[in-house]
Amino acid sequence: MQARQELQTHIPIPDGASTTADREQIAAHVANSIVDQVFRVSMDLHAALSLLQADHPATGKIGDAIERLDETVKDLRMAALDAACTRPPPPQPRRHRFRSQ
């Protein structure tokens, strides 16, 4: 219950979210939120790196962290795309054909 409340501070979750479609939509919002946050951290590190002299001892560590975050963003996006591609299409409403007599 606490996790749901914490999540609702970032992503509104309807009270009756119990269908598969609702869960998938929530999962997509969570994934997008995580990707956005990781990307923002990477951009902040890029900005911090630009403020340092090239020979500063921290430049290597910050550069490595940026590379790992960029790879994480790519991995998360690929996982989201894979999940979207492997998900079966939603059921289509049945159309009744009436035979003319």
Protein backbone atom coordinates (compact mmCIF):
# COMPACT_ATOMS: atom_id res chain seq x y z
CA MET A 1 0.00 0.00 0.00
CA GLN A 2 2.83 2.40 0.82
CA ALA A 3 4.49 1.76 -2.55
CA ARG A 4 1.22 2.60 -4.30
CA GLN A 5 0.94 5.86 -2.37
CA GLU A 6 4.54 6.80 -3.19
CA LEU A 7 3.97 5.96 -6.83
CA GLN A 8 0.81 8.08 -6.94
CA THR A 9 2.86 11.15 -6.04
CA HIS A 10 4.51 10.78 -9.47
CA ILE A 11 1.87 8.95 -11.49
CA PRO A 12 -1.88 9.09 -10.88
CA ILE A 13 -3.24 5.57 -10.44
CA PRO A 14 -6.98 5.05 -10.63
CA ASP A 15 -8.44 3.34 -7.58
CA GLY A 16 -9.93 0.49 -9.60
CA ALA A 17 -6.78 -0.20 -11.64
CA SER A 18 -7.05 -3.93 -11.87
CA THR A 19 -7.43 -4.75 -15.53
CA THR A 20 -4.47 -5.82 -17.61
CA ALA A 21 -4.78 -2.69 -19.73
CA ASP A 22 -4.67 -0.50 -16.61
CA ARG A 23 -1.61 -2.32 -15.32
CA GLU A 24 0.15 -2.04 -18.67
CA GLN A 25 -0.60 1.67 -18.82
CA ILE A 26 0.74 2.15 -15.29
CA ALA A 27 3.86 0.15 -16.15
CA ALA A 28 4.42 2.30 -19.24
CA HIS A 29 4.11 5.47 -17.15
CA VAL A 30 6.55 4.12 -14.58
CA ALA A 31 9.05 3.13 -17.28
CA ASN A 32 8.78 6.55 -18.92
CA SER A 33 9.21 8.26 -15.57
CA ILE A 34 12.34 6.25 -14.80
CA VAL A 35 13.84 6.91 -18.23
CA ASP A 36 13.13 10.64 -17.85
CA GLN A 37 14.74 10.76 -14.40
CA VAL A 38 17.85 8.85 -15.49
CA PHE A 39 18.15 11.06 -18.58
CA ARG A 40 17.92 14.21 -16.43
CA VAL A 41 20.67 12.93 -14.14
CA SER A 42 22.83 12.24 -17.19
CA MET A 43 22.23 15.77 -18.48
CA ASP A 44 23.14 17.23 -15.07
CA LEU A 45 26.38 15.26 -15.12
CA HIS A 46 27.12 16.53 -18.64
CA ALA A 47 26.65 20.07 -17.34
CA ALA A 48 28.89 19.41 -14.32
CA LEU A 49 31.55 17.87 -16.56
CA SER A 50 31.60 20.95 -18.76
CA LEU A 51 32.45 23.07 -15.70
CA LEU A 52 35.56 21.06 -14.88
CA GLN A 53 39.01 21.43 -16.38
CA ALA A 54 39.94 18.55 -18.66
CA ASP A 55 42.70 17.40 -16.27
CA HIS A 56 40.47 17.42 -13.16
CA PRO A 57 40.59 14.06 -11.36
CA ALA A 58 36.78 13.74 -11.36
CA THR A 59 36.34 14.02 -15.15
CA GLY A 60 37.02 10.34 -15.76
CA LYS A 61 34.58 9.18 -13.09
CA ILE A 62 31.87 11.56 -14.27
CA GLY A 63 32.42 10.51 -17.88
CA ASP A 64 32.11 6.84 -16.91
CA ALA A 65 28.92 7.54 -14.97
CA ILE A 66 27.46 9.38 -17.98
CA GLU A 67 28.24 6.44 -20.26
CA ARG A 68 26.60 3.98 -17.86
CA LEU A 69 23.50 6.16 -17.50
CA ASP A 70 23.24 6.57 -21.28
CA GLU A 71 23.46 2.79 -21.71
CA THR A 72 20.81 2.35 -19.01
CA VAL A 73 18.45 4.71 -20.85
CA LYS A 74 19.01 2.79 -24.10
CA ASP A 75 18.41 -0.55 -22.34
CA LEU A 76 15.21 0.70 -20.70
CA ARG A 77 13.88 2.06 -23.99
CA MET A 78 14.69 -1.19 -25.80
CA ALA A 79 12.99 -3.22 -23.06
CA ALA A 80 9.90 -1.02 -23.32
CA LEU A 81 9.84 -1.40 -27.10
CA ASP A 82 10.30 -5.17 -26.84
CA ALA A 83 7.45 -5.39 -24.36
CA ALA A 84 5.22 -3.31 -26.61
CA CYS A 85 6.06 -5.45 -29.65
CA THR A 86 5.48 -8.78 -27.91
CA ARG A 87 2.21 -7.73 -26.30
CA PRO A 88 -0.76 -9.24 -28.12
CA PRO A 89 -3.03 -6.72 -29.83
CA PRO A 90 -6.15 -5.74 -27.92
CA PRO A 91 -9.23 -7.77 -28.79
CA GLN A 92 -11.33 -6.26 -31.52
CA PRO A 93 -15.05 -5.94 -31.03
CA ARG A 94 -16.99 -8.62 -32.81
CA ARG A 95 -18.93 -7.54 -35.79
CA HIS A 96 -22.02 -9.52 -36.43
CA ARG A 97 -22.86 -10.12 -40.00
CA PHE A 98 -26.47 -10.39 -40.73
CA ARG A 99 -27.39 -12.53 -43.64
CA SER A 100 -30.00 -11.20 -45.90
CA GLN A 101 -32.77 -13.70 -46.48
